[in-house]
C-alpha atoms as a PDB file:
ATOM      1  CA  MET A   1       0.000   0.000   0.000  1.00  0.00           C
ATOM      2  CA  ARG A   2       1.558   3.281  -1.157  1.00  0.00           C
ATOM      3  CA  LEU A   3       0.605   5.926   1.374  1.00  0.00           C
ATOM      4  CA  ALA A   4       0.554   9.714   1.303  1.00  0.00           C
ATOM      5  CA  SER A   5       0.280  11.870   4.410  1.00  0.00           C
ATOM      6  CA  ILE A   6      -1.334  15.268   4.891  1.00  0.00           C
ATOM      7  CA  GLY A   7       0.093  17.492   7.625  1.00  0.00           C
ATOM      8  CA  THR A   8       3.413  17.985   9.364  1.00  0.00           C
ATOM      9  CA  SER A   9       2.256  18.020  12.999  1.00  0.00           C
ATOM     10  CA  GLY A  10       3.568  15.916  15.846  1.00  0.00           C
ATOM     11  CA  ILE A  11       0.713  13.427  15.540  1.00  0.00           C
ATOM     12  CA  CYS A  12       1.575  12.910  11.867  1.00  0.00           C
ATOM     13  CA  GLU A  13       5.175  12.197  12.818  1.00  0.00           C
ATOM     14  CA  HIS A  14       4.058   9.702  15.458  1.00  0.00           C
ATOM     15  CA  PHE A  15       1.860   7.922  12.920  1.00  0.00           C
ATOM     16  CA  LEU A  16       4.524   7.773  10.221  1.00  0.00           C
ATOM     17  CA  ASN A  17       7.044   6.359  12.707  1.00  0.00           C
ATOM     18  CA  ALA A  18       4.486   3.711  13.631  1.00  0.00           C
ATOM     19  CA  ALA A  19       3.483   2.948  10.034  1.00  0.00           C
ATOM     20  CA  ALA A  20       7.143   2.445   9.095  1.00  0.00           C
ATOM     21  CA  SER A  21       7.162  -0.634  11.335  1.00  0.00           C
ATOM     22  CA  VAL A  22       4.102  -2.176   9.653  1.00  0.00           C
ATOM     23  CA  PRO A  23       4.836  -4.519   6.715  1.00  0.00           C
ATOM     24  CA  GLY A  24       3.040  -3.595   3.522  1.00  0.00           C
ATOM     25  CA  ILE A  25       2.966   0.185   4.052  1.00  0.00           C
ATOM     26  CA  GLU A  26       5.262   2.447   2.037  1.00  0.00           C
ATOM     27  CA  LEU A  27       5.259   6.226   2.514  1.00  0.00           C
ATOM     28  CA  TYR A  28       5.180   7.519  -1.054  1.00  0.00           C
ATOM     29  CA  ALA A  29       4.276  11.227  -0.737  1.00  0.00           C
ATOM     30  CA  VAL A  30       3.685  14.003   1.771  1.00  0.00           C
ATOM     31  CA  TYR A  31       1.478  17.108   1.577  1.00  0.00           C
ATOM     32  CA  SER A  32       1.783  20.484   3.244  1.00  0.00           C
ATOM     33  CA  ARG A  33       0.306  23.876   2.378  1.00  0.00           C
ATOM     34  CA  ASP A  34       3.800  25.252   3.068  1.00  0.00           C
ATOM     35  CA  PRO A  35       6.154  23.965   0.290  1.00  0.00           C
ATOM     36  CA  GLU A  36       9.332  24.490   2.318  1.00  0.00           C
ATOM     37  CA  ARG A  37       7.961  22.697   5.353  1.00  0.00           C
ATOM     38  CA  GLY A  38       6.626  19.943   3.119  1.00  0.00           C
ATOM     39  CA  GLU A  39       9.984  19.418   1.442  1.00  0.00           C
ATOM     40  CA  ALA A  40      11.762  19.229   4.802  1.00  0.00           C
ATOM     41  CA  PHE A  41       9.158  16.678   5.919  1.00  0.00           C
ATOM     42  CA  ARG A  42       9.600  14.658   2.707  1.00  0.00           C
ATOM     43  CA  GLN A  43      13.336  14.453   3.235  1.00  0.00           C
ATOM     44  CA  LYS A  44      12.989  13.537   6.899  1.00  0.00           C
ATOM     45  CA  TYR A  45      10.716  10.585   6.110  1.00  0.00           C
ATOM     46  CA  HIS A  46      12.307   9.662   2.769  1.00  0.00           C
ATOM     47  CA  ALA A  47       9.113  10.023   0.730  1.00  0.00           C
ATOM     48  CA  LYS A  48       9.414  10.102  -3.058  1.00  0.00           C
ATOM     49  CA  LYS A  49       7.164  13.126  -3.660  1.00  0.00           C
ATOM     50  CA  GLN A  50       6.004  16.307  -1.956  1.00  0.00           C
ATOM     51  CA  TYR A  51       2.753  18.110  -2.788  1.00  0.00           C
ATOM     52  CA  ASN A  52       1.223  21.422  -1.803  1.00  0.00           C
ATOM     53  CA  ASP A  53      -1.745  21.051  -4.167  1.00  0.00           C
ATOM     54  CA  LEU A  54      -4.419  18.630  -2.925  1.00  0.00           C
ATOM     55  CA  THR A  55      -5.891  17.865  -6.347  1.00  0.00           C
ATOM     56  CA  ALA A  56      -2.450  16.999  -7.714  1.00  0.00           C
ATOM     57  CA  LEU A  57      -1.902  14.583  -4.830  1.00  0.00           C
ATOM     58  CA  ALA A  58      -5.368  13.063  -5.211  1.00  0.00           C
ATOM     59  CA  SER A  59      -4.878  12.484  -8.936  1.00  0.00           C
ATOM     60  CA  ASP A  60      -1.508  10.750  -8.556  1.00  0.00           C
ATOM     61  CA  PRO A  61      -2.133   7.144  -9.722  1.00  0.00           C
ATOM     62  CA  GLU A  62       0.802   5.860  -7.667  1.00  0.00           C
ATOM     63  CA  ILE A  63      -0.922   6.727  -4.384  1.00  0.00           C
ATOM     64  CA  ASP A  64      -3.300   4.124  -2.945  1.00  0.00           C
ATOM     65  CA  ALA A  65      -4.267   5.694   0.359  1.00  0.00           C
ATOM     66  CA  VAL A  66      -3.941   8.925   2.332  1.00  0.00           C
ATOM     67  CA  TYR A  67      -3.549   9.592   6.042  1.00  0.00           C
ATOM     68  CA  ILE A  68      -5.008  12.986   7.025  1.00  0.00           C
ATOM     69  CA  ALA A  69      -3.571  14.821  10.036  1.00  0.00           C
ATOM     70  CA  SER A  70      -4.533  18.395   9.198  1.00  0.00           C
ATOM     71  CA  PRO A  71      -6.569  20.764  11.441  1.00  0.00           C
ATOM     72  CA  ASN A  72     -10.065  19.432  12.197  1.00  0.00           C
ATOM     73  CA  ALA A  73     -11.859  22.033  10.082  1.00  0.00           C
ATOM     74  CA  LEU A  74     -10.085  20.760   6.941  1.00  0.00           C
ATOM     75  CA  HIS A  75     -10.851  17.051   7.411  1.00  0.00           C
ATOM     76  CA  VAL A  76     -14.190  16.880   5.598  1.00  0.00           C
ATOM     77  CA  ARG A  77     -13.190  18.965   2.575  1.00  0.00           C
ATOM     78  CA  GLN A  78      -9.934  17.066   2.110  1.00  0.00           C
ATOM     79  CA  SER A  79     -11.650  13.697   2.581  1.00  0.00           C
ATOM     80  CA  VAL A  80     -14.266  14.510  -0.069  1.00  0.00           C
ATOM     81  CA  VAL A  81     -11.593  15.374  -2.632  1.00  0.00           C
ATOM     82  CA  LEU A  82      -9.578  12.236  -1.930  1.00  0.00           C
ATOM     83  CA  LEU A  83     -12.561   9.883  -1.884  1.00  0.00           C
ATOM     84  CA  ASN A  84     -13.843  11.304  -5.174  1.00  0.00           C
ATOM     85  CA  PHE A  85     -10.459  10.471  -6.717  1.00  0.00           C
ATOM     86  CA  GLY A  86     -10.725   6.905  -5.408  1.00  0.00           C
ATOM     87  CA  LYS A  87      -8.183   7.136  -2.598  1.00  0.00           C
ATOM     88  CA  HIS A  88      -8.639   5.169   0.612  1.00  0.00           C
ATOM     89  CA  VAL A  89      -8.668   7.572   3.565  1.00  0.00           C
ATOM     90  CA  LEU A  90      -7.557   7.215   7.166  1.00  0.00           C
ATOM     91  CA  CYS A  91      -8.419  10.482   8.895  1.00  0.00           C
ATOM     92  CA  GLU A  92      -7.065  11.469  12.290  1.00  0.00           C
ATOM     93  CA  LYS A  93      -9.659  11.820  15.051  1.00  0.00           C
ATOM     94  CA  PRO A  94     -12.039  13.493  15.028  1.00  0.00           C
ATOM     95  CA  ALA A  95     -12.520  12.595  11.378  1.00  0.00           C
ATOM     96  CA  THR A  96     -15.583  14.831  11.252  1.00  0.00           C
ATOM     97  CA  THR A  97     -17.246  17.272  13.594  1.00  0.00           C
ATOM     98  CA  THR A  98     -20.799  15.916  13.214  1.00  0.00           C
ATOM     99  CA  LEU A  99     -22.512  12.570  12.725  1.00  0.00           C
ATOM    100  CA  ILE A 100     -24.131  13.763   9.491  1.00  0.00           C
ATOM    101  CA  GLN A 101     -20.717  14.578   8.018  1.00  0.00           C
ATOM    102  CA  TYR A 102     -19.363  11.169   9.010  1.00  0.00           C
ATOM    103  CA  MET A 103     -22.314   9.312   7.508  1.00  0.00           C
ATOM    104  CA  LYS A 104     -22.039  11.210   4.209  1.00  0.00           C
ATOM    105  CA  LEU A 105     -18.336  10.421   3.883  1.00  0.00           C
ATOM    106  CA  SER A 106     -18.930   6.757   4.751  1.00  0.00           C
ATOM    107  CA  GLU A 107     -21.649   6.579   2.107  1.00  0.00           C
ATOM    108  CA  LEU A 108     -19.378   8.204  -0.471  1.00  0.00           C
ATOM    109  CA  ALA A 109     -16.615   5.688   0.265  1.00  0.00           C
ATOM    110  CA  ALA A 110     -19.052   2.779   0.058  1.00  0.00           C
ATOM    111  CA  LYS A 111     -20.306   3.944  -3.345  1.00  0.00           C
ATOM    112  CA  ARG A 112     -16.725   4.142  -4.606  1.00  0.00           C
ATOM    113  CA  GLY A 113     -15.821   0.752  -3.099  1.00  0.00           C
ATOM    114  CA  ILE A 114     -13.015   2.236  -0.999  1.00  0.00           C
ATOM    115  CA  ILE A 115     -12.176   2.582   2.687  1.00  0.00           C
ATOM    116  CA  TYR A 116     -12.893   5.596   4.859  1.00  0.00           C
ATOM    117  CA  ALA A 117     -11.793   5.180   8.475  1.00  0.00           C
ATOM    118  CA  GLU A 118     -11.079   7.231  11.568  1.00  0.00           C
ATOM    119  CA  ALA A 119      -7.632   7.011  13.136  1.00  0.00           C
ATOM    120  CA  ILE A 120      -8.144   6.224  16.822  1.00  0.00           C
ATOM    121  CA  MET A 121      -5.378   4.151  18.330  1.00  0.00           C
ATOM    122  CA  SER A 122      -7.115   3.053  21.543  1.00  0.00           C
ATOM    123  CA  ILE A 123      -9.659   0.601  20.139  1.00  0.00           C
ATOM    124  CA  HIS A 124      -7.184  -1.075  17.769  1.00  0.00           C
ATOM    125  CA  THR A 125      -4.349  -1.698  20.217  1.00  0.00           C
ATOM    126  CA  PRO A 126      -4.178  -5.263  21.605  1.00  0.00           C
ATOM    127  CA  ALA A 127      -4.687  -3.724  25.052  1.00  0.00           C
ATOM    128  CA  PHE A 128      -8.315  -2.982  24.202  1.00  0.00           C
ATOM    129  CA  SER A 129      -9.095  -6.702  23.909  1.00  0.00           C
ATOM    130  CA  VAL A 130      -7.329  -7.302  27.218  1.00  0.00           C
ATOM    131  CA  LEU A 131      -9.402  -4.583  28.861  1.00  0.00           C
ATOM    132  CA  ASN A 132     -12.667  -5.744  27.322  1.00  0.00           C
ATOM    133  CA  ASN A 133     -12.080  -9.338  28.454  1.00  0.00           C
ATOM    134  CA  ALA A 134     -11.154  -8.186  31.959  1.00  0.00           C
ATOM    135  CA  LEU A 135     -14.610  -6.672  32.432  1.00  0.00           C
ATOM    136  CA  LYS A 136     -15.939 -10.202  32.934  1.00  0.00           C
ATOM    137  CA  GLU A 137     -13.697 -10.610  35.982  1.00  0.00           C
ATOM    138  CA  ILE A 138     -14.968  -7.668  38.039  1.00  0.00           C
ATOM    139  CA  GLY A 139     -18.607  -8.707  38.325  1.00  0.00           C
ATOM    140  CA  ARG A 140     -21.571  -6.396  37.846  1.00  0.00           C
ATOM    141  CA  ILE A 141     -20.502  -2.912  36.801  1.00  0.00           C
ATOM    142  CA  ARG A 142     -22.459  -0.007  38.188  1.00  0.00           C
ATOM    143  CA  SER A 143     -20.138   2.939  37.578  1.00  0.00           C
ATOM    144  CA  ALA A 144     -16.967   4.078  35.857  1.00  0.00           C
ATOM    145  CA  THR A 145     -14.872   7.233  35.769  1.00  0.00           C
ATOM    146  CA  ILE A 146     -12.891   8.022  32.645  1.00  0.00           C
ATOM    147  CA  ASP A 147     -10.435  10.885  33.069  1.00  0.00           C
ATOM    148  CA  PHE A 148      -8.124  12.562  30.570  1.00  0.00           C
ATOM    149  CA  CYS A 149      -6.883  15.912  31.827  1.00  0.00           C
ATOM    150  CA  GLN A 150      -3.622  16.906  30.171  1.00  0.00           C
ATOM    151  CA  LEU A 151      -2.124  20.378  30.410  1.00  0.00           C
ATOM    152  CA  SER A 152      -1.564  21.501  26.830  1.00  0.00           C
ATOM    153  CA  SER A 153       1.914  22.549  25.750  1.00  0.00           C
ATOM    154  CA  LYS A 154       0.125  25.275  23.737  1.00  0.00           C
ATOM    155  CA  TYR A 155      -1.666  26.779  26.753  1.00  0.00           C
ATOM    156  CA  PRO A 156       1.220  29.128  27.707  1.00  0.00           C
ATOM    157  CA  ALA A 157       1.116  30.550  24.173  1.00  0.00           C
ATOM    158  CA  TYR A 158      -2.602  31.195  24.557  1.00  0.00           C
ATOM    159  CA  LEU A 159      -1.993  32.963  27.878  1.00  0.00           C
ATOM    160  CA  LYS A 160       0.525  35.224  26.137  1.00  0.00           C
ATOM    161  CA  GLY A 161      -2.149  36.379  23.728  1.00  0.00           C
ATOM    162  CA  GLU A 162      -1.412  34.026  20.848  1.00  0.00           C
ATOM    163  CA  ASN A 163      -4.123  31.909  19.224  1.00  0.00           C
ATOM    164  CA  PRO A 164      -2.745  28.390  18.656  1.00  0.00           C
ATOM    165  CA  ASN A 165      -4.813  26.144  16.411  1.00  0.00           C
ATOM    166  CA  ILE A 166      -5.726  23.751  19.213  1.00  0.00           C
ATOM    167  CA  PHE A 167      -7.480  26.587  21.087  1.00  0.00           C
ATOM    168  CA  ASN A 168      -8.991  28.240  18.011  1.00  0.00           C
ATOM    169  CA  PRO A 169     -12.726  27.511  17.475  1.00  0.00           C
ATOM    170  CA  GLU A 170     -12.349  28.390  13.788  1.00  0.00           C
ATOM    171  CA  PHE A 171     -10.478  25.103  13.425  1.00  0.00           C
ATOM    172  CA  GLU A 172     -13.354  23.188  15.116  1.00  0.00           C
ATOM    173  CA  THR A 173     -11.149  22.087  17.956  1.00  0.00           C
ATOM    174  CA  GLY A 174     -10.699  22.550  21.697  1.00  0.00           C
ATOM    175  CA  CYS A 175     -10.734  20.157  24.617  1.00  0.00           C
ATOM    176  CA  LEU A 176     -13.725  17.990  23.697  1.00  0.00           C
ATOM    177  CA  MET A 177     -12.694  17.445  20.086  1.00  0.00           C
ATOM    178  CA  ASP A 178      -9.018  16.955  20.914  1.00  0.00           C
ATOM    179  CA  ILE A 179      -8.787  14.771  24.009  1.00  0.00           C
ATOM    180  CA  GLY A 180     -12.389  14.397  25.210  1.00  0.00           C
ATOM    181  CA  VAL A 181     -12.909  12.227  22.135  1.00  0.00           C
ATOM    182  CA  TYR A 182     -10.706   9.554  23.764  1.00  0.00           C
ATOM    183  CA  ASN A 183     -13.012   9.449  26.802  1.00  0.00           C
ATOM    184  CA  LEU A 184     -16.057   9.116  24.568  1.00  0.00           C
ATOM    185  CA  TYR A 185     -14.409   6.407  22.473  1.00  0.00           C
ATOM    186  CA  LEU A 186     -13.584   4.261  25.475  1.00  0.00           C
ATOM    187  CA  ALA A 187     -17.102   4.616  26.904  1.00  0.00           C
ATOM    188  CA  ALA A 188     -18.742   3.905  23.544  1.00  0.00           C
ATOM    189  CA  ALA A 189     -16.466   0.939  22.757  1.00  0.00           C
ATOM    190  CA  LEU A 190     -16.981  -0.705  26.148  1.00  0.00           C
ATOM    191  CA  PHE A 191     -20.572   0.213  26.995  1.00  0.00           C
ATOM    192  CA  GLY A 192     -22.256   1.445  23.818  1.00  0.00           C
ATOM    193  CA  GLN A 193     -24.733   4.278  23.370  1.00  0.00           C
ATOM    194  CA  PRO A 194     -25.964   5.859  26.640  1.00  0.00           C
ATOM    195  CA  GLU A 195     -29.653   6.516  27.197  1.00  0.00           C
ATOM    196  CA  ARG A 196     -28.985  10.175  28.018  1.00  0.00           C
ATOM    197  CA  ILE A 197     -26.138  12.604  28.659  1.00  0.00           C
ATOM    198  CA  GLN A 198     -25.691  15.449  31.127  1.00  0.00           C
ATOM    199  CA  SER A 199     -22.688  17.603  30.324  1.00  0.00           C
ATOM    200  CA  SER A 200     -20.934  20.859  31.147  1.00  0.00           C
ATOM    201  CA  ALA A 201     -18.077  22.823  29.601  1.00  0.00           C
ATOM    202  CA  VAL A 202     -15.656  25.573  30.593  1.00  0.00           C
ATOM    203  CA  PHE A 203     -14.791  28.052  27.853  1.00  0.00           C
ATOM    204  CA  LEU A 204     -11.839  30.345  27.264  1.00  0.00           C
ATOM    205  CA  GLU A 205     -12.328  34.004  26.372  1.00  0.00           C
ATOM    206  CA  ASN A 206     -11.996  33.246  22.646  1.00  0.00           C
ATOM    207  CA  GLY A 207     -14.848  30.716  22.742  1.00  0.00           C
ATOM    208  CA  ALA A 208     -12.776  27.520  22.767  1.00  0.00           C
ATOM    209  CA  ASP A 209     -13.691  24.909  25.360  1.00  0.00           C
ATOM    210  CA  ALA A 210     -10.873  24.393  27.859  1.00  0.00           C
ATOM    211  CA  ALA A 211     -12.362  21.612  29.975  1.00  0.00           C
ATOM    212  CA  GLY A 212     -15.554  19.683  30.429  1.00  0.00           C
ATOM    213  CA  SER A 213     -17.393  16.766  31.958  1.00  0.00           C
ATOM    214  CA  ALA A 214     -20.190  14.452  30.944  1.00  0.00           C
ATOM    215  CA  LEU A 215     -22.348  12.011  32.872  1.00  0.00           C
ATOM    216  CA  LEU A 216     -23.476   9.127  30.687  1.00  0.00           C
ATOM    217  CA  HIS A 217     -26.619   7.362  31.905  1.00  0.00           C
ATOM    218  CA  TYR A 218     -27.043   3.706  30.960  1.00  0.00           C
ATOM    219  CA  LYS A 219     -29.835   1.360  32.000  1.00  0.00           C
ATOM    220  CA  ASP A 220     -28.098   0.105  35.126  1.00  0.00           C
ATOM    221  CA  MET A 221     -24.883   2.129  35.384  1.00  0.00           C
ATOM    222  CA  THR A 222     -23.347   5.581  35.000  1.00  0.00           C
ATOM    223  CA  VAL A 223     -20.068   6.641  33.428  1.00  0.00           C
ATOM    224  CA  THR A 224     -18.470   9.953  34.401  1.00  0.00           C
ATOM    225  CA  LEU A 225     -16.110  11.605  31.915  1.00  0.00           C
ATOM    226  CA  THR A 226     -13.720  14.445  32.771  1.00  0.00           C
ATOM    227  CA  TYR A 227     -11.346  16.123  30.343  1.00  0.00           C
ATOM    228  CA  SER A 228      -9.195  19.248  30.367  1.00  0.00           C
ATOM    229  CA  LYS A 229      -6.429  20.921  28.376  1.00  0.00           C
ATOM    230  CA  VAL A 230      -5.689  23.566  31.014  1.00  0.00           C
ATOM    231  CA  ALA A 231      -4.820  21.307  33.964  1.00  0.00           C
ATOM    232  CA  GLN A 232      -2.935  18.066  34.567  1.00  0.00           C
ATOM    233  CA  SER A 233      -4.510  15.082  36.307  1.00  0.00           C
ATOM    234  CA  PHE A 234      -2.483  12.298  37.862  1.00  0.00           C
ATOM    235  CA  SER A 235      -5.461  10.092  38.727  1.00  0.00           C
ATOM    236  CA  PRO A 236      -6.219   6.880  36.835  1.00  0.00           C
ATOM    237  CA  SER A 237      -9.541   6.039  35.240  1.00  0.00           C
ATOM    238  CA  GLU A 238     -11.524   3.314  36.977  1.00  0.00           C
ATOM    239  CA  ILE A 239     -14.236   0.792  36.110  1.00  0.00           C
ATOM    240  CA  LEU A 240     -15.948  -0.437  39.267  1.00  0.00           C
ATOM    241  CA  GLY A 241     -17.552  -3.850  39.618  1.00  0.00           C
ATOM    242  CA  ASP A 242     -18.865  -5.699  42.665  1.00  0.00           C
ATOM    243  CA  LEU A 243     -15.984  -8.218  42.410  1.00  0.00           C
ATOM    244  CA  GLY A 244     -13.128  -5.873  41.567  1.00  0.00           C
ATOM    245  CA  THR A 245     -11.888  -2.692  39.950  1.00  0.00           C
ATOM    246  CA  ILE A 246     -10.006  -2.022  36.728  1.00  0.00           C
ATOM    247  CA  ARG A 247      -7.646   0.959  36.765  1.00  0.00           C
ATOM    248  CA  ILE A 248      -6.353   2.542  33.544  1.00  0.00           C
ATOM    249  CA  ALA A 249      -3.381   4.900  33.614  1.00  0.00           C
ATOM    250  CA  SER A 250      -3.723   6.175  30.019  1.00  0.00           C
ATOM    251  CA  VAL A 251      -7.111   6.485  28.325  1.00  0.00           C
ATOM    252  CA  SER A 252      -5.615   7.401  24.956  1.00  0.00           C
ATOM    253  CA  GLN A 253      -2.985   4.653  24.709  1.00  0.00           C
ATOM    254  CA  LEU A 254      -4.535   2.083  27.083  1.00  0.00           C
ATOM    255  CA  THR A 255      -1.354   1.522  29.042  1.00  0.00           C
ATOM    256  CA  GLY A 256      -1.012   0.818  32.734  1.00  0.00           C
ATOM    257  CA  ILE A 257      -4.110  -1.368  33.073  1.00  0.00           C
ATOM    258  CA  GLU A 258      -4.513  -3.090  36.432  1.00  0.00           C
ATOM    259  CA  LEU A 259      -7.160  -5.437  37.859  1.00  0.00           C
ATOM    260  CA  MET A 260      -7.589  -4.937  41.592  1.00  0.00           C
ATOM    261  CA  THR A 261      -9.468  -6.901  44.225  1.00  0.00           C
ATOM    262  CA  LYS A 262      -9.335  -6.821  48.012  1.00  0.00           C
ATOM    263  CA  THR A 263      -6.617  -9.462  47.988  1.00  0.00           C
ATOM    264  CA  GLU A 264      -4.438  -8.761  44.943  1.00  0.00           C
ATOM    265  CA  THR A 265      -3.463  -6.421  42.122  1.00  0.00           C
ATOM    266  CA  LYS A 266      -2.611  -7.777  38.672  1.00  0.00           C
ATOM    267  CA  THR A 267      -0.990  -5.707  35.953  1.00  0.00           C
ATOM    268  CA  LEU A 268      -2.730  -6.637  32.702  1.00  0.00           C
ATOM    269  CA  VAL A 269      -1.017  -4.123  30.407  1.00  0.00           C
ATOM    270  CA  PRO A 270       2.383  -2.511  31.143  1.00  0.00           C
ATOM    271  CA  PHE A 271       2.591   1.153  32.075  1.00  0.00           C
ATOM    272  CA  GLU A 272       5.234   1.877  29.452  1.00  0.00           C
ATOM    273  CA  ILE A 273       4.664   0.904  25.813  1.00  0.00           C
ATOM    274  CA  PRO A 274       6.365   2.836  22.979  1.00  0.00           C
ATOM    275  CA  ARG A 275       3.833   5.069  21.269  1.00  0.00           C
ATOM    276  CA  LYS A 276       4.803   3.779  17.858  1.00  0.00           C
ATOM    277  CA  ASP A 277       3.840   0.271  18.971  1.00  0.00           C
ATOM    278  CA  VAL A 278       0.433   1.526  20.099  1.00  0.00           C
ATOM    279  CA  MET A 279      -0.202   3.429  16.868  1.00  0.00           C
ATOM    280  CA  ALA A 280       1.101   0.617  14.681  1.00  0.00           C
ATOM    281  CA  ALA A 281      -2.083  -1.322  15.438  1.00  0.00           C
ATOM    282  CA  GLU A 282      -4.325   1.295  13.783  1.00  0.00           C
ATOM    283  CA  ALA A 283      -1.976   1.449  10.792  1.00  0.00           C
ATOM    284  CA  ALA A 284      -2.142  -2.345  10.433  1.00  0.00           C
ATOM    285  CA  TYR A 285      -5.942  -2.244  10.772  1.00  0.00           C
ATOM    286  CA  PHE A 286      -6.180   0.292   7.940  1.00  0.00           C
ATOM    287  CA  ARG A 287      -3.766  -1.687   5.751  1.00  0.00           C
ATOM    288  CA  ASP A 288      -5.844  -4.850   6.204  1.00  0.00           C
ATOM    289  CA  CYS A 289      -9.070  -3.013   5.355  1.00  0.00           C
ATOM    290  CA  VAL A 290      -7.507  -1.651   2.171  1.00  0.00           C
ATOM    291  CA  GLU A 291      -5.930  -4.933   1.096  1.00  0.00           C
ATOM    292  CA  LYS A 292      -8.790  -7.274   2.021  1.00  0.00           C
ATOM    293  CA  GLY A 293     -11.767  -4.930   1.855  1.00  0.00           C
ATOM    294  CA  ASN A 294     -12.733  -6.041   5.348  1.00  0.00           C
ATOM    295  CA  HIS A 295     -11.439  -6.589   8.852  1.00  0.00           C
ATOM    296  CA  PRO A 296     -12.964  -8.466  11.816  1.00  0.00           C
ATOM    297  CA  SER A 297     -13.338  -5.218  13.771  1.00  0.00           C
ATOM    298  CA  ARG A 298     -14.359  -2.938  10.892  1.00  0.00           C
ATOM    299  CA  SER A 299     -18.105  -2.867  11.624  1.00  0.00           C
ATOM    300  CA  PHE A 300     -17.361  -2.386  15.326  1.00  0.00           C
ATOM    301  CA  ALA A 301     -15.032   0.532  14.571  1.00  0.00           C
ATOM    302  CA  GLU A 302     -17.559   2.186  12.261  1.00  0.00           C
ATOM    303  CA  HIS A 303     -20.427   1.748  14.742  1.00  0.00           C
ATOM    304  CA  THR A 304     -18.288   3.132  17.577  1.00  0.00           C
ATOM    305  CA  ALA A 305     -17.258   6.128  15.462  1.00  0.00           C
ATOM    306  CA  CYS A 306     -20.930   6.927  14.811  1.00  0.00           C
ATOM    307  CA  THR A 307     -21.776   6.607  18.507  1.00  0.00           C
ATOM    308  CA  VAL A 308     -18.948   8.986  19.409  1.00  0.00           C
ATOM    309  CA  ARG A 309     -20.109  11.503  16.769  1.00  0.00           C
ATOM    310  CA  GLU A 310     -23.641  11.385  18.167  1.00  0.00           C
ATOM    311  CA  MET A 311     -22.427  11.963  21.732  1.00  0.00           C
ATOM    312  CA  CYS A 312     -20.199  14.851  20.612  1.00  0.00           C
ATOM    313  CA  ASP A 313     -23.150  16.426  18.807  1.00  0.00           C
ATOM    314  CA  GLU A 314     -25.241  16.277  21.980  1.00  0.00           C
ATOM    315  CA  ILE A 315     -22.521  17.672  24.245  1.00  0.00           C
ATOM    316  CA  ARG A 316     -21.894  20.574  21.875  1.00  0.00           C
ATOM    317  CA  ARG A 317     -25.645  21.235  21.647  1.00  0.00           C
ATOM    318  CA  GLN A 318     -26.073  21.244  25.433  1.00  0.00           C
ATOM    319  CA  ASN A 319     -23.219  23.674  25.946  1.00  0.00           C
ATOM    320  CA  GLY A 320     -23.643  26.050  23.027  1.00  0.00           C
ATOM    321  CA  PHE A 321     -20.349  25.355  21.237  1.00  0.00           C
ATOM    322  CA  PRO A 322     -19.524  27.895  18.508  1.00  0.00           C
ATOM    323  CA  PHE A 323     -19.280  25.108  15.887  1.00  0.00           C
END
């Protein structure tokens, strides 16, 4: 599979480092709106071509698939162009802002007989299966807390009066769409669609959400989500059953997973796993979908992506997001 990448951000670098370890994936081209930055990126990752025109990239017959890691607001437009040219697309989370957008892109890909997928490392890493299987060992689950509060490296720039992309509502981003998505993905993947949601959000002066919380109500349990880009949490997430508790150190990478009872603590997934190993699983998933047209977890991934979109739509509606 000859791959092109869009974007030169840190997440794109992480993905390309991971994809390089996956057999059957060759980085063929890179794209950046800035030609000089794109050329430097091409040389760094030894790609054959560099583009700063999206149509030219999309019409290149040597490219099979494209990984998109551009700002959120560009995802849909870029995906439409690529899908119309018959390119398979793996788009960094959140692939779209709304459920309607996601469904339209999925339908377009289906009509063209190609793959459109969201890049979300947590549900494709082997640790997710370990976690899912461990739920059976902790008895009846009544509650869970999923926490991802990470002080953004871009927050000091915002405080100085700058307007970094990650805190700029014009790019359809902010805390919920950047890291809150991981909380929603884990809840949706493990427990499905909640019956109702109660949520709150804290906004910066420019209208971007800085932090938030959501209470997901299920038939016989509740899941509490907390997320922030302006403060750092050191507390693990927990899933509480009447026979034991599962603790999760990292919601995004699913590392540091422990099963605890009154008598013992078992480490199910190590606390330290190289990020490229975690992200390699989503790259391999995408490769298999492209090569085989299917994957055992493809329908699960697509259903979970739709559930997450629907929950995001509701949280934004409840809190009056500017996008």
